Amino acid sequence: MTDLSRIVTETLDGWKNGIDRGRPADVATQFTEDALFQGALPDYSIGRKGVEEYYARPHAAGLRVDYVIREIRPLADGVVSAYVDPTFSRPDGSVLRYHLTVILKRIDEHWLISHYQVSPIA
């Protein structure tokens, strides 16, 4: 595994673990304080509070997620872009598939999501 793959995987695993455990505050810790977040709902938010509120909404109750990283690109020193295909599973067995673009930034010694944009797969 390359360093960039490890960075993206570790960050997305933290995001996944928070979702799988139903812990919106844990999900939010994977984001920068000023993150631009566009989930599956029409509105967007800036910052960790918006991420936490998004995953605390009823639509996120009981969600689990798996993902496949499709592409990783370095953008600058301490900035990485990744194109990901997450699959969300609801407790009723329904499945939601998306394309996801994330931009990760190194803040001190931690890599955090600074931009998150999903698009549904028809």
PDB file of N, CA and C in Angstrom:
ATOM      1  N   MET A   1       0.850  -1.179   0.000  1.00  0.00           N
ATOM      2  CA  MET A   1       0.000   0.000   0.000  1.00  0.00           C
ATOM      3  C   MET A   1       0.895   1.242   0.000  1.00  0.00           C
ATOM      4  N   THR A   2       0.593   2.175  -0.880  1.00  0.00           N
ATOM      5  CA  THR A   2       1.382   3.405  -0.939  1.00  0.00           C
ATOM      6  C   THR A   2       1.034   4.305   0.246  1.00  0.00           C
ATOM      7  N   ASP A   3       1.874   5.303   0.485  1.00  0.00           N
ATOM      8  CA  ASP A   3       1.582   6.251   1.563  1.00  0.00           C
ATOM      9  C   ASP A   3       0.250   6.953   1.339  1.00  0.00           C
ATOM     10  N   LEU A   4      -0.033   7.358   0.097  1.00  0.00           N
ATOM     11  CA  LEU A   4      -1.305   8.038  -0.181  1.00  0.00           C
ATOM     12  C   LEU A   4      -2.491   7.105   0.042  1.00  0.00           C
ATOM     13  N   SER A   5      -2.366   5.857  -0.368  1.00  0.00           N
ATOM     14  CA  SER A   5      -3.442   4.884  -0.128  1.00  0.00           C
ATOM     15  C   SER A   5      -3.689   4.693   1.358  1.00  0.00           C
ATOM     16  N   ARG A   6      -2.607   4.609   2.122  1.00  0.00           N
ATOM     17  CA  ARG A   6      -2.731   4.441   3.576  1.00  0.00           C
ATOM     18  C   ARG A   6      -3.419   5.647   4.195  1.00  0.00           C
ATOM     19  N   ILE A   7      -3.035   6.841   3.771  1.00  0.00           N
ATOM     20  CA  ILE A   7      -3.627   8.079   4.295  1.00  0.00           C
ATOM     21  C   ILE A   7      -5.127   8.107   4.032  1.00  0.00           C
ATOM     22  N   VAL A   8      -5.512   7.861   2.792  1.00  0.00           N
ATOM     23  CA  VAL A   8      -6.936   7.907   2.428  1.00  0.00           C
ATOM     24  C   VAL A   8      -7.703   6.796   3.147  1.00  0.00           C
ATOM     25  N   THR A   9      -7.152   5.589   3.157  1.00  0.00           N
ATOM     26  CA  THR A   9      -7.825   4.466   3.814  1.00  0.00           C
ATOM     27  C   THR A   9      -8.018   4.720   5.306  1.00  0.00           C
ATOM     28  N   GLU A  10      -6.993   5.182   5.999  1.00  0.00           N
ATOM     29  CA  GLU A  10      -7.117   5.426   7.437  1.00  0.00           C
ATOM     30  C   GLU A  10      -8.159   6.504   7.726  1.00  0.00           C
ATOM     31  N   THR A  11      -8.184   7.560   6.922  1.00  0.00           N
ATOM     32  CA  THR A  11      -9.154   8.629   7.139  1.00  0.00           C
ATOM     33  C   THR A  11     -10.565   8.134   6.861  1.00  0.00           C
ATOM     34  N   LEU A  12     -10.760   7.443   5.740  1.00  0.00           N
ATOM     35  CA  LEU A  12     -12.095   6.938   5.410  1.00  0.00           C
ATOM     36  C   LEU A  12     -12.530   5.824   6.353  1.00  0.00           C
ATOM     37  N   ASP A  13     -11.604   5.063   6.883  1.00  0.00           N
ATOM     38  CA  ASP A  13     -11.981   4.058   7.889  1.00  0.00           C
ATOM     39  C   ASP A  13     -12.527   4.728   9.142  1.00  0.00           C
ATOM     40  N   GLY A  14     -11.954   5.867   9.538  1.00  0.00           N
ATOM     41  CA  GLY A  14     -12.492   6.609  10.677  1.00  0.00           C
ATOM     42  C   GLY A  14     -13.907   7.109  10.399  1.00  0.00           C
ATOM     43  N   TRP A  15     -14.143   7.620   9.191  1.00  0.00           N
ATOM     44  CA  TRP A  15     -15.478   8.050   8.750  1.00  0.00           C
ATOM     45  C   TRP A  15     -16.445   6.868   8.780  1.00  0.00           C
ATOM     46  N   LYS A  16     -16.033   5.749   8.192  1.00  0.00           N
ATOM     47  CA  LYS A  16     -16.851   4.538   8.144  1.00  0.00           C
ATOM     48  C   LYS A  16     -17.195   4.029   9.546  1.00  0.00           C
ATOM     49  N   ASN A  17     -16.205   3.974  10.426  1.00  0.00           N
ATOM     50  CA  ASN A  17     -16.442   3.463  11.777  1.00  0.00           C
ATOM     51  C   ASN A  17     -17.463   4.308  12.526  1.00  0.00           C
ATOM     52  N   GLY A  18     -17.396   5.632  12.371  1.00  0.00           N
ATOM     53  CA  GLY A  18     -18.388   6.499  13.007  1.00  0.00           C
ATOM     54  C   GLY A  18     -19.789   6.246  12.478  1.00  0.00           C
ATOM     55  N   ILE A  19     -19.912   6.069  11.155  1.00  0.00           N
ATOM     56  CA  ILE A  19     -21.223   5.785  10.552  1.00  0.00           C
ATOM     57  C   ILE A  19     -21.729   4.432  11.022  1.00  0.00           C
ATOM     58  N   ASP A  20     -20.901   3.407  10.910  1.00  0.00           N
ATOM     59  CA  ASP A  20     -21.311   2.042  11.270  1.00  0.00           C
ATOM     60  C   ASP A  20     -21.736   1.935  12.729  1.00  0.00           C
ATOM     61  N   ARG A  21     -21.147   2.742  13.589  1.00  0.00           N
ATOM     62  CA  ARG A  21     -21.475   2.700  15.018  1.00  0.00           C
ATOM     63  C   ARG A  21     -22.593   3.667  15.395  1.00  0.00           C
ATOM     64  N   GLY A  22     -23.085   4.425  14.411  1.00  0.00           N
ATOM     65  CA  GLY A  22     -24.147   5.387  14.688  1.00  0.00           C
ATOM     66  C   GLY A  22     -23.686   6.510  15.597  1.00  0.00           C
ATOM     67  N   ARG A  23     -22.448   6.977  15.393  1.00  0.00           N
ATOM     68  CA  ARG A  23     -21.866   8.006  16.255  1.00  0.00           C
ATOM     69  C   ARG A  23     -21.508   9.239  15.416  1.00  0.00           C
ATOM     70  N   PRO A  24     -22.494  10.127  15.189  1.00  0.00           N
ATOM     71  CA  PRO A  24     -22.267  11.311  14.352  1.00  0.00           C
ATOM     72  C   PRO A  24     -21.092  12.180  14.805  1.00  0.00           C
ATOM     73  N   ALA A  25     -20.866  12.297  16.106  1.00  0.00           N
ATOM     74  CA  ALA A  25     -19.744  13.111  16.591  1.00  0.00           C
ATOM     75  C   ALA A  25     -18.412  12.500  16.160  1.00  0.00           C
ATOM     76  N   ASP A  26     -18.333  11.172  16.138  1.00  0.00           N
ATOM     77  CA  ASP A  26     -17.109  10.504  15.688  1.00  0.00           C
ATOM     78  C   ASP A  26     -16.892  10.717  14.191  1.00  0.00           C
ATOM     79  N   VAL A  27     -17.973  10.693  13.419  1.00  0.00           N
ATOM     80  CA  VAL A  27     -17.856  10.972  11.987  1.00  0.00           C
ATOM     81  C   VAL A  27     -17.273  12.370  11.804  1.00  0.00           C
ATOM     82  N   ALA A  28     -17.821  13.334  12.521  1.00  0.00           N
ATOM     83  CA  ALA A  28     -17.414  14.734  12.373  1.00  0.00           C
ATOM     84  C   ALA A  28     -15.941  14.956  12.693  1.00  0.00           C
ATOM     85  N   THR A  29     -15.355  14.148  13.572  1.00  0.00           N
ATOM     86  CA  THR A  29     -13.939  14.334  13.919  1.00  0.00           C
ATOM     87  C   THR A  29     -13.009  14.020  12.753  1.00  0.00           C
ATOM     88  N   GLN A  30     -13.523  13.386  11.712  1.00  0.00           N
ATOM     89  CA  GLN A  30     -12.708  13.072  10.539  1.00  0.00           C
ATOM     90  C   GLN A  30     -12.643  14.242   9.553  1.00  0.00           C
ATOM     91  N   PHE A  31     -13.314  15.343   9.880  1.00  0.00           N
ATOM     92  CA  PHE A  31     -13.408  16.508   9.003  1.00  0.00           C
ATOM     93  C   PHE A  31     -12.676  17.699   9.602  1.00  0.00           C
ATOM     94  N   THR A  32     -12.227  18.608   8.733  1.00  0.00           N
ATOM     95  CA  THR A  32     -11.624  19.849   9.207  1.00  0.00           C
ATOM     96  C   THR A  32     -12.699  20.741   9.823  1.00  0.00           C
ATOM     97  N   GLU A  33     -12.262  21.710  10.609  1.00  0.00           N
ATOM     98  CA  GLU A  33     -13.198  22.640  11.253  1.00  0.00           C
ATOM     99  C   GLU A  33     -14.000  23.448  10.230  1.00  0.00           C
ATOM    100  N   ASP A  34     -13.440  23.638   9.020  1.00  0.00           N
ATOM    101  CA  ASP A  34     -14.110  24.431   7.993  1.00  0.00           C
ATOM    102  C   ASP A  34     -14.498  23.602   6.769  1.00  0.00           C
ATOM    103  N   ALA A  35     -14.709  22.309   6.952  1.00  0.00           N
ATOM    104  CA  ALA A  35     -14.993  21.410   5.833  1.00  0.00           C
ATOM    105  C   ALA A  35     -16.257  21.811   5.083  1.00  0.00           C
ATOM    106  N   LEU A  36     -16.199  21.697   3.761  1.00  0.00           N
ATOM    107  CA  LEU A  36     -17.374  21.848   2.913  1.00  0.00           C
ATOM    108  C   LEU A  36     -17.951  20.449   2.733  1.00  0.00           C
ATOM    109  N   PHE A  37     -19.204  20.273   3.170  1.00  0.00           N
ATOM    110  CA  PHE A  37     -19.830  18.953   3.180  1.00  0.00           C
ATOM    111  C   PHE A  37     -21.116  18.980   2.361  1.00  0.00           C
ATOM    112  N   GLN A  38     -21.177  18.160   1.309  1.00  0.00           N
ATOM    113  CA  GLN A  38     -22.389  17.982   0.514  1.00  0.00           C
ATOM    114  C   GLN A  38     -22.716  16.505   0.488  1.00  0.00           C
ATOM    115  N   GLY A  39     -23.680  16.118   1.317  1.00  0.00           N
ATOM    116  CA  GLY A  39     -24.124  14.730   1.358  1.00  0.00           C
ATOM    117  C   GLY A  39     -25.227  14.493   0.344  1.00  0.00           C
ATOM    118  N   ALA A  40     -26.083  13.530   0.622  1.00  0.00           N
ATOM    119  CA  ALA A  40     -27.137  13.139  -0.308  1.00  0.00           C
ATOM    120  C   ALA A  40     -28.364  14.044  -0.252  1.00  0.00           C
ATOM    121  N   LEU A  41     -28.458  14.885   0.755  1.00  0.00           N
ATOM    122  CA  LEU A  41     -29.595  15.796   0.866  1.00  0.00           C
ATOM    123  C   LEU A  41     -29.295  17.083   0.103  1.00  0.00           C
ATOM    124  N   PRO A  42     -30.299  17.859  -0.257  1.00  0.00           N
ATOM    125  CA  PRO A  42     -30.068  19.055  -1.084  1.00  0.00           C
ATOM    126  C   PRO A  42     -29.220  20.143  -0.432  1.00  0.00           C
ATOM    127  N   ASP A  43     -29.224  20.237   0.884  1.00  0.00           N
ATOM    128  CA  ASP A  43     -28.467  21.300   1.540  1.00  0.00           C
ATOM    129  C   ASP A  43     -27.012  20.885   1.746  1.00  0.00           C
ATOM    130  N   TYR A  44     -26.167  21.849   1.999  1.00  0.00           N
ATOM    131  CA  TYR A  44     -24.768  21.587   2.301  1.00  0.00           C
ATOM    132  C   TYR A  44     -24.438  22.284   3.611  1.00  0.00           C
ATOM    133  N   SER A  45     -23.266  22.006   4.140  1.00  0.00           N
ATOM    134  CA  SER A  45     -22.863  22.660   5.378  1.00  0.00           C
ATOM    135  C   SER A  45     -21.372  22.945   5.349  1.00  0.00           C
ATOM    136  N   ILE A  46     -20.966  23.795   6.268  1.00  0.00           N
ATOM    137  CA  ILE A  46     -19.560  24.120   6.467  1.00  0.00           C
ATOM    138  C   ILE A  46     -19.210  23.758   7.908  1.00  0.00           C
ATOM    139  N   GLY A  47     -18.197  22.948   8.083  1.00  0.00           N
ATOM    140  CA  GLY A  47     -17.699  22.644   9.416  1.00  0.00           C
ATOM    141  C   GLY A  47     -18.210  21.343  10.014  1.00  0.00           C
ATOM    142  N   ARG A  48     -17.585  20.965  11.105  1.00  0.00           N
ATOM    143  CA  ARG A  48     -17.891  19.704  11.782  1.00  0.00           C
ATOM    144  C   ARG A  48     -19.320  19.641  12.317  1.00  0.00           C
ATOM    145  N   LYS A  49     -19.819  20.766  12.792  1.00  0.00           N
ATOM    146  CA  LYS A  49     -21.182  20.759  13.346  1.00  0.00           C
ATOM    147  C   LYS A  49     -22.191  20.316  12.292  1.00  0.00           C
ATOM    148  N   GLY A  50     -22.040  20.804  11.064  1.00  0.00           N
ATOM    149  CA  GLY A  50     -22.948  20.414   9.991  1.00  0.00           C
ATOM    150  C   GLY A  50     -22.848  18.933   9.655  1.00  0.00           C
ATOM    151  N   VAL A  51     -21.633  18.395   9.679  1.00  0.00           N
ATOM    152  CA  VAL A  51     -21.431  16.964   9.425  1.00  0.00           C
ATOM    153  C   VAL A  51     -22.119  16.151  10.523  1.00  0.00           C
ATOM    154  N   GLU A  52     -21.912  16.555  11.753  1.00  0.00           N
ATOM    155  CA  GLU A  52     -22.530  15.837  12.874  1.00  0.00           C
ATOM    156  C   GLU A  52     -24.053  15.890  12.778  1.00  0.00           C
ATOM    157  N   GLU A  53     -24.603  17.046  12.474  1.00  0.00           N
ATOM    158  CA  GLU A  53     -26.060  17.180  12.348  1.00  0.00           C
ATOM    159  C   GLU A  53     -26.600  16.321  11.203  1.00  0.00           C
ATOM    160  N   TYR A  54     -25.870  16.266  10.106  1.00  0.00           N
ATOM    161  CA  TYR A  54     -26.288  15.453   8.958  1.00  0.00           C
ATOM    162  C   TYR A  54     -26.417  13.981   9.363  1.00  0.00           C
ATOM    163  N   TYR A  55     -25.409  13.453  10.030  1.00  0.00           N
ATOM    164  CA  TYR A  55     -25.424  12.043  10.400  1.00  0.00           C
ATOM    165  C   TYR A  55     -26.294  11.760  11.624  1.00  0.00           C
ATOM    166  N   ALA A  56     -26.794  12.796  12.279  1.00  0.00           N
ATOM    167  CA  ALA A  56     -27.731  12.612  13.390  1.00  0.00           C
ATOM    168  C   ALA A  56     -29.186  12.634  12.906  1.00  0.00           C
ATOM    169  N   ARG A  57     -29.413  12.991  11.650  1.00  0.00           N
ATOM    170  CA  ARG A  57     -30.770  13.041  11.099  1.00  0.00           C
ATOM    171  C   ARG A  57     -31.334  11.634  10.950  1.00  0.00           C
ATOM    172  N   PRO A  58     -32.674  11.541  10.937  1.00  0.00           N
ATOM    173  CA  PRO A  58     -33.310  10.212  10.821  1.00  0.00           C
ATOM    174  C   PRO A  58     -32.880   9.403   9.595  1.00  0.00           C
ATOM    175  N   HIS A  59     -32.564  10.067   8.477  1.00  0.00           N
ATOM    176  CA  HIS A  59     -32.179   9.309   7.275  1.00  0.00           C
ATOM    177  C   HIS A  59     -30.900   8.493   7.489  1.00  0.00           C
ATOM    178  N   ALA A  60     -30.092   8.862   8.471  1.00  0.00           N
ATOM    179  CA  ALA A  60     -28.817   8.180   8.707  1.00  0.00           C
ATOM    180  C   ALA A  60     -28.897   7.099   9.782  1.00  0.00           C
ATOM    181  N   ALA A  61     -30.047   6.962  10.430  1.00  0.00           N
ATOM    182  CA  ALA A  61     -30.180   5.989  11.517  1.00  0.00           C
ATOM    183  C   ALA A  61     -29.951   4.571  11.006  1.00  0.00           C
ATOM    184  N   GLY A  62     -29.028   3.879  11.628  1.00  0.00           N
ATOM    185  CA  GLY A  62     -28.755   2.487  11.288  1.00  0.00           C
ATOM    186  C   GLY A  62     -27.946   2.266  10.026  1.00  0.00           C
ATOM    187  N   LEU A  63     -27.456   3.329   9.408  1.00  0.00           N
ATOM    188  CA  LEU A  63     -26.648   3.176   8.195  1.00  0.00           C
ATOM    189  C   LEU A  63     -25.348   2.437   8.474  1.00  0.00           C
ATOM    190  N   ARG A  64     -24.921   1.698   7.472  1.00  0.00           N
ATOM    191  CA  ARG A  64     -23.592   1.106   7.457  1.00  0.00           C
ATOM    192  C   ARG A  64     -23.016   1.442   6.098  1.00  0.00           C
ATOM    193  N   VAL A  65     -21.703   1.528   6.014  1.00  0.00           N
ATOM    194  CA  VAL A  65     -21.084   1.889   4.736  1.00  0.00           C
ATOM    195  C   VAL A  65     -19.857   1.032   4.463  1.00  0.00           C
ATOM    196  N   ASP A  66     -19.707   0.692   3.210  1.00  0.00           N
ATOM    197  CA  ASP A  66     -18.486   0.093   2.699  1.00  0.00           C
ATOM    198  C   ASP A  66     -18.052   0.964   1.531  1.00  0.00           C
ATOM    199  N   TYR A  67     -16.794   0.915   1.196  1.00  0.00           N
ATOM    200  CA  TYR A  67     -16.318   1.779   0.112  1.00  0.00           C
ATOM    201  C   TYR A  67     -15.175   1.127  -0.648  1.00  0.00           C
ATOM    202  N   VAL A  68     -15.020   1.591  -1.886  1.00  0.00           N
ATOM    203  CA  VAL A  68     -13.904   1.196  -2.742  1.00  0.00           C
ATOM    204  C   VAL A  68     -13.248   2.482  -3.228  1.00  0.00           C
ATOM    205  N   ILE A  69     -11.955   2.588  -3.028  1.00  0.00           N
ATOM    206  CA  ILE A  69     -11.209   3.747  -3.521  1.00  0.00           C
ATOM    207  C   ILE A  69     -10.878   3.495  -4.988  1.00  0.00           C
ATOM    208  N   ARG A  70     -11.282   4.426  -5.859  1.00  0.00           N
ATOM    209  CA  ARG A  70     -11.046   4.286  -7.295  1.00  0.00           C
ATOM    210  C   ARG A  70      -9.788   5.027  -7.760  1.00  0.00           C
ATOM    211  N   GLU A  71      -9.581   6.221  -7.257  1.00  0.00           N
ATOM    212  CA  GLU A  71      -8.437   7.032  -7.678  1.00  0.00           C
ATOM    213  C   GLU A  71      -7.953   7.875  -6.506  1.00  0.00           C
ATOM    214  N   ILE A  72      -6.659   8.088  -6.464  1.00  0.00           N
ATOM    215  CA  ILE A  72      -6.054   8.984  -5.475  1.00  0.00           C
ATOM    216  C   ILE A  72      -5.065   9.864  -6.224  1.00  0.00           C
ATOM    217  N   ARG A  73      -5.139  11.159  -5.935  1.00  0.00           N
ATOM    218  CA  ARG A  73      -4.222  12.096  -6.593  1.00  0.00           C
ATOM    219  C   ARG A  73      -3.667  13.096  -5.590  1.00  0.00           C
ATOM    220  N   PRO A  74      -2.371  13.281  -5.557  1.00  0.00           N
ATOM    221  CA  PRO A  74      -1.816  14.365  -4.739  1.00  0.00           C
ATOM    222  C   PRO A  74      -2.122  15.691  -5.437  1.00  0.00           C
ATOM    223  N   LEU A  75      -2.555  16.682  -4.678  1.00  0.00           N
ATOM    224  CA  LEU A  75      -2.855  17.992  -5.257  1.00  0.00           C
ATOM    225  C   LEU A  75      -1.778  19.016  -4.933  1.00  0.00           C
ATOM    226  N   ALA A  76      -1.214  18.913  -3.760  1.00  0.00           N
ATOM    227  CA  ALA A  76      -0.151  19.807  -3.295  1.00  0.00           C
ATOM    228  C   ALA A  76       0.448  19.152  -2.062  1.00  0.00           C
ATOM    229  N   ASP A  77       1.487  19.749  -1.516  1.00  0.00           N
ATOM    230  CA  ASP A  77       2.052  19.208  -0.288  1.00  0.00           C
ATOM    231  C   ASP A  77       0.996  19.272   0.811  1.00  0.00           C
ATOM    232  N   GLY A  78       0.651  18.122   1.367  1.00  0.00           N
ATOM    233  CA  GLY A  78      -0.331  18.072   2.441  1.00  0.00           C
ATOM    234  C   GLY A  78      -1.775  18.102   1.975  1.00  0.00           C
ATOM    235  N   VAL A  79      -2.029  17.884   0.679  1.00  0.00           N
ATOM    236  CA  VAL A  79      -3.396  17.880   0.143  1.00  0.00           C
ATOM    237  C   VAL A  79      -3.524  16.718  -0.846  1.00  0.00           C
ATOM    238  N   VAL A  80      -4.574  15.902  -0.658  1.00  0.00           N
ATOM    239  CA  VAL A  80      -4.803  14.723  -1.488  1.00  0.00           C
ATOM    240  C   VAL A  80      -6.272  14.672  -1.874  1.00  0.00           C
ATOM    241  N   SER A  81      -6.541  14.277  -3.116  1.00  0.00           N
ATOM    242  CA  SER A  81      -7.895  14.075  -3.605  1.00  0.00           C
ATOM    243  C   SER A  81      -8.127  12.585  -3.799  1.00  0.00           C
ATOM    244  N   ALA A  82      -9.338  12.130  -3.499  1.00  0.00           N
ATOM    245  CA  ALA A  82      -9.678  10.721  -3.741  1.00  0.00           C
ATOM    246  C   ALA A  82     -11.085  10.632  -4.321  1.00  0.00           C
ATOM    247  N   TYR A  83     -11.230   9.711  -5.260  1.00  0.00           N
ATOM    248  CA  TYR A  83     -12.517   9.394  -5.869  1.00  0.00           C
ATOM    249  C   TYR A  83     -12.897   8.010  -5.355  1.00  0.00           C
ATOM    250  N   VAL A  84     -14.077   7.912  -4.735  1.00  0.00           N
ATOM    251  CA  VAL A  84     -14.460   6.732  -3.970  1.00  0.00           C
ATOM    252  C   VAL A  84     -15.876   6.322  -4.347  1.00  0.00           C
ATOM    253  N   ASP A  85     -16.142   5.032  -4.311  1.00  0.00           N
ATOM    254  CA  ASP A  85     -17.506   4.525  -4.484  1.00  0.00           C
ATOM    255  C   ASP A  85     -17.981   3.925  -3.165  1.00  0.00           C
ATOM    256  N   PRO A  86     -18.764   4.699  -2.378  1.00  0.00           N
ATOM    257  CA  PRO A  86     -19.325   4.145  -1.148  1.00  0.00           C
ATOM    258  C   PRO A  86     -20.681   3.491  -1.409  1.00  0.00           C
ATOM    259  N   THR A  87     -20.970   2.447  -0.674  1.00  0.00           N
ATOM    260  CA  THR A  87     -22.269   1.782  -0.707  1.00  0.00           C
ATOM    261  C   THR A  87     -22.817   1.813   0.713  1.00  0.00           C
ATOM    262  N   PHE A  88     -23.942   2.498   0.878  1.00  0.00           N
ATOM    263  CA  PHE A  88     -24.594   2.610   2.178  1.00  0.00           C
ATOM    264  C   PHE A  88     -25.716   1.579   2.254  1.00  0.00           C
ATOM    265  N   SER A  89     -25.806   0.888   3.378  1.00  0.00           N
ATOM    266  CA  SER A  89     -26.864  -0.096   3.602  1.00  0.00           C
ATOM    267  C   SER A  89     -27.741   0.381   4.752  1.00  0.00           C
ATOM    268  N   ARG A  90     -29.036   0.319   4.530  1.00  0.00           N
ATOM    269  CA  ARG A  90     -30.003   0.682   5.583  1.00  0.00           C
ATOM    270  C   ARG A  90     -30.431  -0.576   6.334  1.00  0.00           C
ATOM    271  N   PRO A  91     -30.979  -0.390   7.542  1.00  0.00           N
ATOM    272  CA  PRO A  91     -31.428  -1.554   8.324  1.00  0.00           C
ATOM    273  C   PRO A  91     -32.487  -2.399   7.607  1.00  0.00           C
ATOM    274  N   ASP A  92     -33.281  -1.780   6.718  1.00  0.00           N
ATOM    275  CA  ASP A  92     -34.315  -2.534   5.997  1.00  0.00           C
ATOM    276  C   ASP A  92     -33.758  -3.320   4.812  1.00  0.00           C
ATOM    277  N   GLY A  93     -32.452  -3.254   4.606  1.00  0.00           N
ATOM    278  CA  GLY A  93     -31.809  -3.994   3.529  1.00  0.00           C
ATOM    279  C   GLY A  93     -31.636  -3.211   2.239  1.00  0.00           C
ATOM    280  N   SER A  94     -32.215  -2.017   2.166  1.00  0.00           N
ATOM    281  CA  SER A  94     -32.039  -1.221   0.953  1.00  0.00           C
ATOM    282  C   SER A  94     -30.602  -0.698   0.880  1.00  0.00           C
ATOM    283  N   VAL A  95     -30.152  -0.479  -0.339  1.00  0.00           N
ATOM    284  CA  VAL A  95     -28.772  -0.093  -0.588  1.00  0.00           C
ATOM    285  C   VAL A  95     -28.753   1.194  -1.395  1.00  0.00           C
ATOM    286  N   LEU A  96     -27.859   2.094  -1.014  1.00  0.00           N
ATOM    287  CA  LEU A  96     -27.673   3.363  -1.714  1.00  0.00           C
ATOM    288  C   LEU A  96     -26.242   3.419  -2.217  1.00  0.00           C
ATOM    289  N   ARG A  97     -26.084   3.679  -3.509  1.00  0.00           N
ATOM    290  CA  ARG A  97     -24.743   3.730  -4.105  1.00  0.00           C
ATOM    291  C   ARG A  97     -24.452   5.145  -4.584  1.00  0.00           C
ATOM    292  N   TYR A  98     -23.223   5.570  -4.346  1.00  0.00           N
ATOM    293  CA  TYR A  98     -22.814   6.925  -4.696  1.00  0.00           C
ATOM    294  C   TYR A  98     -21.408   6.926  -5.273  1.00  0.00           C
ATOM    295  N   HIS A  99     -21.085   8.025  -5.933  1.00  0.00           N
ATOM    296  CA  HIS A  99     -19.705   8.399  -6.212  1.00  0.00           C
ATOM    297  C   HIS A  99     -19.381   9.471  -5.189  1.00  0.00           C
ATOM    298  N   LEU A 100     -18.188   9.477  -4.679  1.00  0.00           N
ATOM    299  CA  LEU A 100     -17.771  10.423  -3.652  1.00  0.00           C
ATOM    300  C   LEU A 100     -16.401  10.987  -4.010  1.00  0.00           C
ATOM    301  N   THR A 101     -16.293  12.289  -3.951  1.00  0.00           N
ATOM    302  CA  THR A 101     -14.997  12.932  -4.072  1.00  0.00           C
ATOM    303  C   THR A 101     -14.671  13.573  -2.731  1.00  0.00           C
ATOM    304  N   VAL A 102     -13.494  13.289  -2.224  1.00  0.00           N
ATOM    305  CA  VAL A 102     -13.029  13.910  -0.989  1.00  0.00           C
ATOM    306  C   VAL A 102     -11.682  14.562  -1.237  1.00  0.00           C
ATOM    307  N   ILE A 103     -11.458  15.646  -0.527  1.00  0.00           N
ATOM    308  CA  ILE A 103     -10.143  16.267  -0.491  1.00  0.00           C
ATOM    309  C   ILE A 103      -9.687  16.218   0.956  1.00  0.00           C
ATOM    310  N   LEU A 104      -8.524  15.638   1.163  1.00  0.00           N
ATOM    311  CA  LEU A 104      -7.961  15.513   2.506  1.00  0.00           C
ATOM    312  C   LEU A 104      -6.832  16.523   2.662  1.00  0.00           C
ATOM    313  N   LYS A 105      -6.757  17.092   3.867  1.00  0.00           N
ATOM    314  CA  LYS A 105      -5.669  18.004   4.204  1.00  0.00           C
ATOM    315  C   LYS A 105      -4.953  17.496   5.435  1.00  0.00           C
ATOM    316  N   ARG A 106      -3.655  17.704   5.442  1.00  0.00           N
ATOM    317  CA  ARG A 106      -2.882  17.379   6.642  1.00  0.00           C
ATOM    318  C   ARG A 106      -2.921  18.601   7.551  1.00  0.00           C
ATOM    319  N   ILE A 107      -3.469  18.400   8.735  1.00  0.00           N
ATOM    320  CA  ILE A 107      -3.532  19.441   9.759  1.00  0.00           C
ATOM    321  C   ILE A 107      -2.693  18.931  10.923  1.00  0.00           C
ATOM    322  N   ASP A 108      -1.576  19.593  11.169  1.00  0.00           N
ATOM    323  CA  ASP A 108      -0.587  19.094  12.126  1.00  0.00           C
ATOM    324  C   ASP A 108      -0.177  17.694  11.665  1.00  0.00           C
ATOM    325  N   GLU A 109      -0.398  16.680  12.459  1.00  0.00           N
ATOM    326  CA  GLU A 109      -0.019  15.313  12.081  1.00  0.00           C
ATOM    327  C   GLU A 109      -1.207  14.476  11.628  1.00  0.00           C
ATOM    328  N   HIS A 110      -2.386  15.094  11.490  1.00  0.00           N
ATOM    329  CA  HIS A 110      -3.602  14.350  11.153  1.00  0.00           C
ATOM    330  C   HIS A 110      -4.081  14.691   9.747  1.00  0.00           C
ATOM    331  N   TRP A 111      -4.624  13.694   9.062  1.00  0.00           N
ATOM    332  CA  TRP A 111      -5.249  13.905   7.770  1.00  0.00           C
ATOM    333  C   TRP A 111      -6.756  13.950   7.984  1.00  0.00           C
ATOM    334  N   LEU A 112      -7.388  15.019   7.498  1.00  0.00           N
ATOM    335  CA  LEU A 112      -8.813  15.234   7.700  1.00  0.00           C
ATOM    336  C   LEU A 112      -9.481  15.589   6.376  1.00  0.00           C
ATOM    337  N   ILE A 113     -10.763  15.321   6.293  1.00  0.00           N
ATOM    338  CA  ILE A 113     -11.544  15.629   5.093  1.00  0.00           C
ATOM    339  C   ILE A 113     -11.886  17.109   5.115  1.00  0.00           C
ATOM    340  N   SER A 114     -11.509  17.835   4.072  1.00  0.00           N
ATOM    341  CA  SER A 114     -11.839  19.254   3.992  1.00  0.00           C
ATOM    342  C   SER A 114     -12.934  19.537   2.967  1.00  0.00           C
ATOM    343  N   HIS A 115     -13.174  18.574   2.085  1.00  0.00           N
ATOM    344  CA  HIS A 115     -14.233  18.701   1.076  1.00  0.00           C
ATOM    345  C   HIS A 115     -14.822  17.328   0.851  1.00  0.00           C
ATOM    346  N   TYR A 116     -16.166  17.252   0.814  1.00  0.00           N
ATOM    347  CA  TYR A 116     -16.876  15.982   0.684  1.00  0.00           C
ATOM    348  C   TYR A 116     -18.075  16.218  -0.227  1.00  0.00           C
ATOM    349  N   GLN A 117     -18.133  15.529  -1.351  1.00  0.00           N
ATOM    350  CA  GLN A 117     -19.212  15.719  -2.325  1.00  0.00           C
ATOM    351  C   GLN A 117     -19.660  14.371  -2.857  1.00  0.00           C
ATOM    352  N   VAL A 118     -20.944  14.013  -2.639  1.00  0.00           N
ATOM    353  CA  VAL A 118     -21.456  12.773  -3.186  1.00  0.00           C
ATOM    354  C   VAL A 118     -22.393  13.049  -4.352  1.00  0.00           C
ATOM    355  N   SER A 119     -22.462  12.062  -5.243  1.00  0.00           N
ATOM    356  CA  SER A 119     -23.399  12.059  -6.360  1.00  0.00           C
ATOM    357  C   SER A 119     -24.019  10.671  -6.415  1.00  0.00           C
ATOM    358  N   PRO A 120     -25.356  10.582  -6.480  1.00  0.00           N
ATOM    359  CA  PRO A 120     -25.980   9.250  -6.543  1.00  0.00           C
ATOM    360  C   PRO A 120     -25.663   8.559  -7.862  1.00  0.00           C
ATOM    361  N   ILE A 121     -25.580   7.241  -7.814  1.00  0.00           N
ATOM    362  CA  ILE A 121     -25.437   6.433  -9.019  1.00  0.00           C
ATOM    363  C   ILE A 121     -26.830   5.981  -9.413  1.00  0.00           C
ATOM    364  N   ALA A 122     -27.239   6.318 -10.599  1.00  0.00           N
ATOM    365  CA  ALA A 122     -28.602   5.962 -11.067  1.00  0.00           C
ATOM    366  C   ALA A 122     -28.725   4.484 -11.292  1.00  0.00           C
TER     367      ALA A 122
END
